[in-house]
Amino acid sequence: MSTASNDTENDKVYKQFKDQVNMTASELEKWLKTDESKEVGQDSGDGKSIGQKSGEHIIKILHKKKADLTDDDYAHMHKVHSYISRHSAQVPEKDKEHSRWRYSLMNWGHDPMK
């Protein structure tokens, strides 16, 4: 793949990520320490959920300048966009605010109540 098309794809991924991740790094750091955060998601094998590990990577991405983002960061940003897009469509019928649905999305940096 040429660098020009890679840059275009990265710009698209960056914009999608910035549009969907609506929690700040500090909000996400605080959230990941809560019991609610720890109660949701698939275990990744080390006691943390896949979503919590994703949240930790998102925090690192949010602390970086765009110019310092790596291919691994862009791959993760694409994964975050895919997860948020897919999961956002599965809205529960009641008590969205205190739902596992919301908590899971928040582990991925998106608070649907904002």
N, C-alpha and C. Protein backbone atom coordinates (compact mmCIF):
# COMPACT_ATOMS: atom_id res chain seq x y z
N MET A 1 0.85 -1.19 0.00
CA MET A 1 0.00 0.00 0.00
C MET A 1 0.89 1.25 0.00
N SER A 2 0.54 2.20 -0.79
CA SER A 2 1.35 3.42 -0.85
C SER A 2 1.14 4.26 0.40
N THR A 3 2.12 5.08 0.69
CA THR A 3 2.06 5.92 1.88
C THR A 3 0.90 6.91 1.81
N ALA A 4 0.63 7.44 0.62
CA ALA A 4 -0.46 8.43 0.47
C ALA A 4 -1.80 7.82 0.85
N SER A 5 -2.09 6.60 0.35
CA SER A 5 -3.38 5.99 0.69
C SER A 5 -3.40 5.57 2.16
N ASN A 6 -2.23 5.19 2.69
CA ASN A 6 -2.14 4.85 4.10
C ASN A 6 -2.44 6.08 4.96
N ASP A 7 -1.90 7.24 4.56
CA ASP A 7 -2.17 8.48 5.29
C ASP A 7 -3.66 8.82 5.25
N THR A 8 -4.27 8.63 4.09
CA THR A 8 -5.70 8.91 3.94
C THR A 8 -6.51 7.99 4.86
N GLU A 9 -6.16 6.71 4.87
CA GLU A 9 -6.85 5.73 5.72
C GLU A 9 -6.64 6.08 7.20
N ASN A 10 -5.41 6.44 7.55
CA ASN A 10 -5.12 6.82 8.94
C ASN A 10 -5.91 8.06 9.35
N ASP A 11 -6.02 9.03 8.44
CA ASP A 11 -6.81 10.23 8.74
C ASP A 11 -8.27 9.88 9.01
N LYS A 12 -8.79 8.96 8.21
CA LYS A 12 -10.18 8.52 8.38
C LYS A 12 -10.35 7.83 9.74
N VAL A 13 -9.44 6.92 10.06
CA VAL A 13 -9.49 6.19 11.33
C VAL A 13 -9.37 7.17 12.50
N TYR A 14 -8.46 8.13 12.38
CA TYR A 14 -8.25 9.13 13.43
C TYR A 14 -9.53 9.93 13.68
N LYS A 15 -10.17 10.37 12.60
CA LYS A 15 -11.40 11.16 12.73
C LYS A 15 -12.52 10.32 13.39
N GLN A 16 -12.67 9.07 12.94
CA GLN A 16 -13.70 8.20 13.52
C GLN A 16 -13.45 8.01 15.02
N PHE A 17 -12.20 7.77 15.37
CA PHE A 17 -11.81 7.58 16.76
C PHE A 17 -12.14 8.82 17.58
N LYS A 18 -11.74 9.99 17.08
CA LYS A 18 -11.98 11.25 17.79
C LYS A 18 -13.47 11.55 17.92
N ASP A 19 -14.25 11.17 16.91
CA ASP A 19 -15.70 11.39 16.94
C ASP A 19 -16.39 10.49 17.97
N GLN A 20 -15.89 9.28 18.12
CA GLN A 20 -16.58 8.31 18.97
C GLN A 20 -16.06 8.25 20.40
N VAL A 21 -14.78 8.44 20.60
CA VAL A 21 -14.22 8.39 21.95
C VAL A 21 -14.51 9.75 22.59
N ASN A 22 -15.53 9.78 23.45
CA ASN A 22 -15.97 11.05 24.01
C ASN A 22 -15.60 11.20 25.50
N MET A 23 -14.74 10.32 25.97
CA MET A 23 -14.24 10.44 27.35
C MET A 23 -12.80 10.93 27.28
N THR A 24 -12.42 11.77 28.23
CA THR A 24 -11.04 12.23 28.29
C THR A 24 -10.18 11.12 28.89
N ALA A 25 -8.87 11.26 28.74
CA ALA A 25 -7.96 10.27 29.31
C ALA A 25 -8.18 10.16 30.82
N SER A 26 -8.35 11.28 31.50
CA SER A 26 -8.52 11.23 32.96
C SER A 26 -9.87 10.62 33.34
N GLU A 27 -10.93 10.91 32.58
CA GLU A 27 -12.24 10.28 32.85
C GLU A 27 -12.13 8.76 32.68
N LEU A 28 -11.45 8.35 31.63
CA LEU A 28 -11.30 6.92 31.35
C LEU A 28 -10.44 6.24 32.41
N GLU A 29 -9.36 6.89 32.83
CA GLU A 29 -8.51 6.33 33.90
C GLU A 29 -9.32 6.11 35.16
N LYS A 30 -10.12 7.10 35.57
CA LYS A 30 -10.96 6.97 36.78
C LYS A 30 -11.97 5.86 36.59
N TRP A 31 -12.62 5.83 35.43
CA TRP A 31 -13.65 4.83 35.15
C TRP A 31 -13.10 3.41 35.24
N LEU A 32 -11.91 3.17 34.67
CA LEU A 32 -11.36 1.81 34.64
C LEU A 32 -11.06 1.26 36.03
N LYS A 33 -11.00 2.13 37.04
CA LYS A 33 -10.74 1.70 38.42
C LYS A 33 -12.02 1.33 39.17
N THR A 34 -13.19 1.58 38.55
CA THR A 34 -14.45 1.32 39.25
C THR A 34 -14.84 -0.16 39.18
N ASP A 35 -15.65 -0.56 40.15
CA ASP A 35 -16.17 -1.94 40.16
C ASP A 35 -17.02 -2.19 38.93
N GLU A 36 -17.80 -1.17 38.51
CA GLU A 36 -18.68 -1.33 37.34
C GLU A 36 -17.87 -1.65 36.09
N SER A 37 -16.73 -0.98 35.95
CA SER A 37 -15.86 -1.24 34.80
C SER A 37 -15.34 -2.66 34.82
N LYS A 38 -14.97 -3.12 36.01
CA LYS A 38 -14.36 -4.45 36.14
C LYS A 38 -15.38 -5.58 36.00
N GLU A 39 -16.68 -5.26 36.14
CA GLU A 39 -17.72 -6.29 36.11
C GLU A 39 -18.14 -6.69 34.70
N VAL A 40 -17.76 -5.92 33.68
CA VAL A 40 -18.25 -6.20 32.33
C VAL A 40 -17.12 -6.62 31.40
N GLY A 41 -17.49 -7.34 30.36
CA GLY A 41 -16.54 -7.69 29.31
C GLY A 41 -15.96 -9.08 29.47
N GLN A 42 -15.37 -9.56 28.39
CA GLN A 42 -14.74 -10.87 28.36
C GLN A 42 -13.36 -10.79 29.00
N ASP A 43 -13.07 -11.75 29.85
CA ASP A 43 -11.74 -11.81 30.47
C ASP A 43 -10.70 -12.09 29.39
N SER A 44 -9.61 -11.34 29.45
CA SER A 44 -8.55 -11.52 28.45
C SER A 44 -7.53 -12.56 28.89
N GLY A 45 -7.75 -13.19 30.05
CA GLY A 45 -6.86 -14.24 30.51
C GLY A 45 -5.97 -13.83 31.67
N ASP A 46 -5.95 -12.55 31.99
CA ASP A 46 -5.10 -12.09 33.11
C ASP A 46 -5.91 -11.32 34.16
N GLY A 47 -7.22 -11.56 34.19
CA GLY A 47 -8.05 -10.91 35.19
C GLY A 47 -8.63 -9.58 34.74
N LYS A 48 -8.16 -9.06 33.64
CA LYS A 48 -8.71 -7.82 33.08
C LYS A 48 -9.54 -8.19 31.86
N SER A 49 -10.59 -7.40 31.62
CA SER A 49 -11.40 -7.67 30.43
C SER A 49 -10.70 -7.10 29.20
N ILE A 50 -11.12 -7.59 28.06
CA ILE A 50 -10.61 -7.08 26.79
C ILE A 50 -10.89 -5.58 26.71
N GLY A 51 -12.08 -5.16 27.16
CA GLY A 51 -12.44 -3.74 27.14
C GLY A 51 -11.55 -2.90 28.04
N GLN A 52 -11.20 -3.44 29.21
CA GLN A 52 -10.31 -2.68 30.10
C GLN A 52 -8.93 -2.51 29.48
N LYS A 53 -8.43 -3.57 28.86
CA LYS A 53 -7.13 -3.47 28.19
C LYS A 53 -7.21 -2.46 27.05
N SER A 54 -8.33 -2.48 26.34
CA SER A 54 -8.54 -1.51 25.26
C SER A 54 -8.53 -0.10 25.84
N GLY A 55 -9.23 0.09 26.95
CA GLY A 55 -9.27 1.41 27.60
C GLY A 55 -7.88 1.91 27.97
N GLU A 56 -7.03 1.01 28.44
CA GLU A 56 -5.66 1.40 28.80
C GLU A 56 -4.89 1.84 27.56
N HIS A 57 -5.09 1.16 26.44
CA HIS A 57 -4.43 1.56 25.19
C HIS A 57 -5.00 2.90 24.70
N ILE A 58 -6.31 3.08 24.84
CA ILE A 58 -6.94 4.34 24.44
C ILE A 58 -6.35 5.51 25.22
N ILE A 59 -6.13 5.32 26.52
CA ILE A 59 -5.53 6.38 27.35
C ILE A 59 -4.16 6.77 26.78
N LYS A 60 -3.36 5.77 26.43
CA LYS A 60 -2.03 6.05 25.85
C LYS A 60 -2.17 6.83 24.54
N ILE A 61 -3.13 6.43 23.71
CA ILE A 61 -3.36 7.12 22.43
C ILE A 61 -3.78 8.57 22.68
N LEU A 62 -4.69 8.77 23.64
CA LEU A 62 -5.17 10.13 23.93
C LEU A 62 -4.06 11.05 24.44
N HIS A 63 -3.04 10.48 25.04
CA HIS A 63 -1.92 11.27 25.55
C HIS A 63 -0.89 11.62 24.46
N LYS A 64 -1.03 11.00 23.29
CA LYS A 64 -0.04 11.21 22.23
C LYS A 64 -0.48 12.33 21.28
N LYS A 65 0.51 12.94 20.64
CA LYS A 65 0.24 13.84 19.53
C LYS A 65 -0.04 12.95 18.31
N LYS A 66 -0.84 13.46 17.38
CA LYS A 66 -1.18 12.69 16.19
C LYS A 66 0.08 12.21 15.46
N ALA A 67 1.08 13.05 15.39
CA ALA A 67 2.32 12.71 14.67
C ALA A 67 3.07 11.55 15.33
N ASP A 68 2.80 11.29 16.60
CA ASP A 68 3.51 10.24 17.34
C ASP A 68 2.77 8.90 17.35
N LEU A 69 1.60 8.84 16.71
CA LEU A 69 0.83 7.59 16.70
C LEU A 69 1.51 6.54 15.83
N THR A 70 1.50 5.31 16.30
CA THR A 70 2.14 4.20 15.58
C THR A 70 1.10 3.43 14.76
N ASP A 71 1.58 2.52 13.92
CA ASP A 71 0.67 1.65 13.17
C ASP A 71 -0.19 0.83 14.13
N ASP A 72 0.41 0.40 15.25
CA ASP A 72 -0.33 -0.35 16.27
C ASP A 72 -1.46 0.51 16.86
N ASP A 73 -1.16 1.79 17.09
CA ASP A 73 -2.19 2.72 17.60
C ASP A 73 -3.34 2.85 16.61
N TYR A 74 -3.00 3.02 15.33
CA TYR A 74 -4.05 3.16 14.31
C TYR A 74 -4.87 1.88 14.19
N ALA A 75 -4.21 0.73 14.30
CA ALA A 75 -4.94 -0.55 14.26
C ALA A 75 -5.91 -0.62 15.45
N HIS A 76 -5.45 -0.18 16.62
CA HIS A 76 -6.33 -0.21 17.79
C HIS A 76 -7.47 0.80 17.64
N MET A 77 -7.17 1.97 17.10
CA MET A 77 -8.21 2.98 16.90
C MET A 77 -9.30 2.45 15.96
N HIS A 78 -8.89 1.69 14.95
CA HIS A 78 -9.87 1.09 14.04
C HIS A 78 -10.72 0.05 14.78
N LYS A 79 -10.08 -0.74 15.63
CA LYS A 79 -10.78 -1.74 16.43
C LYS A 79 -11.80 -1.05 17.37
N VAL A 80 -11.40 0.07 17.97
CA VAL A 80 -12.28 0.84 18.86
C VAL A 80 -13.50 1.34 18.08
N HIS A 81 -13.25 1.90 16.90
CA HIS A 81 -14.35 2.39 16.06
C HIS A 81 -15.32 1.25 15.73
N SER A 82 -14.79 0.10 15.35
CA SER A 82 -15.64 -1.04 14.99
C SER A 82 -16.46 -1.50 16.19
N TYR A 83 -15.82 -1.60 17.35
CA TYR A 83 -16.52 -2.05 18.56
C TYR A 83 -17.64 -1.07 18.94
N ILE A 84 -17.30 0.22 19.00
CA ILE A 84 -18.30 1.23 19.40
C ILE A 84 -19.46 1.25 18.42
N SER A 85 -19.17 1.20 17.12
CA SER A 85 -20.23 1.21 16.11
C SER A 85 -21.17 0.02 16.28
N ARG A 86 -20.59 -1.16 16.45
CA ARG A 86 -21.38 -2.39 16.58
C ARG A 86 -22.17 -2.38 17.89
N HIS A 87 -21.50 -2.06 18.98
CA HIS A 87 -22.12 -2.14 20.31
C HIS A 87 -23.16 -1.04 20.53
N SER A 88 -22.96 0.13 19.94
CA SER A 88 -23.90 1.24 20.10
C SER A 88 -25.28 0.91 19.55
N ALA A 89 -25.32 0.01 18.58
CA ALA A 89 -26.60 -0.37 17.96
C ALA A 89 -27.43 -1.29 18.87
N GLN A 90 -26.83 -1.82 19.92
CA GLN A 90 -27.50 -2.80 20.79
C GLN A 90 -28.04 -2.14 22.06
N VAL A 91 -28.78 -1.05 21.90
CA VAL A 91 -29.28 -0.26 23.03
C VAL A 91 -30.29 -1.07 23.86
N PRO A 92 -30.09 -1.14 25.18
CA PRO A 92 -31.08 -1.84 26.02
C PRO A 92 -32.37 -1.02 26.11
N GLU A 93 -33.46 -1.71 26.39
CA GLU A 93 -34.75 -1.02 26.43
C GLU A 93 -34.94 -0.17 27.67
N LYS A 94 -34.35 -0.58 28.80
CA LYS A 94 -34.53 0.23 30.01
C LYS A 94 -33.23 0.38 30.79
N ASP A 95 -33.20 1.40 31.60
CA ASP A 95 -32.07 1.74 32.46
C ASP A 95 -30.73 1.73 31.73
N LYS A 96 -30.68 2.50 30.65
CA LYS A 96 -29.43 2.61 29.88
C LYS A 96 -28.28 3.09 30.76
N GLU A 97 -28.59 4.03 31.70
CA GLU A 97 -27.55 4.65 32.50
C GLU A 97 -26.79 3.66 33.37
N HIS A 98 -27.47 2.64 33.88
CA HIS A 98 -26.83 1.68 34.80
C HIS A 98 -26.71 0.29 34.16
N SER A 99 -26.56 0.26 32.85
CA SER A 99 -26.54 -1.03 32.15
C SER A 99 -25.12 -1.51 31.86
N ARG A 100 -25.00 -2.82 31.73
CA ARG A 100 -23.73 -3.42 31.33
C ARG A 100 -23.34 -2.90 29.94
N TRP A 101 -24.35 -2.62 29.11
CA TRP A 101 -24.13 -2.06 27.77
C TRP A 101 -23.33 -0.75 27.87
N ARG A 102 -23.80 0.16 28.71
CA ARG A 102 -23.10 1.45 28.87
C ARG A 102 -21.71 1.24 29.47
N TYR A 103 -21.62 0.41 30.50
CA TYR A 103 -20.33 0.20 31.17
C TYR A 103 -19.30 -0.38 30.20
N SER A 104 -19.76 -1.30 29.35
CA SER A 104 -18.85 -1.90 28.37
C SER A 104 -18.37 -0.85 27.37
N LEU A 105 -19.29 -0.03 26.87
CA LEU A 105 -18.90 1.04 25.95
C LEU A 105 -17.93 2.02 26.61
N MET A 106 -18.15 2.29 27.88
CA MET A 106 -17.26 3.22 28.58
C MET A 106 -15.85 2.65 28.71
N ASN A 107 -15.72 1.33 28.84
CA ASN A 107 -14.39 0.72 28.86
C ASN A 107 -13.65 0.99 27.55
N TRP A 108 -14.41 1.22 26.49
CA TRP A 108 -13.85 1.50 25.17
C TRP A 108 -13.81 3.00 24.89
N GLY A 109 -14.02 3.82 25.93
CA GLY A 109 -13.85 5.28 25.80
C GLY A 109 -15.06 6.03 25.33
N HIS A 110 -16.22 5.37 25.24
CA HIS A 110 -17.43 6.03 24.74
C HIS A 110 -18.54 5.97 25.79
N ASP A 111 -18.96 7.13 26.27
CA ASP A 111 -20.10 7.18 27.20
C ASP A 111 -21.34 7.57 26.41
N PRO A 112 -22.25 6.62 26.18
CA PRO A 112 -23.44 6.92 25.38
C PRO A 112 -24.41 7.89 26.06
N MET A 113 -24.19 8.19 27.33
CA MET A 113 -25.07 9.13 28.05
C MET A 113 -24.60 10.58 27.91
N LYS A 114 -23.45 10.78 27.28
CA LYS A 114 -22.93 12.15 27.09
C LYS A 114 -23.63 12.82 25.93
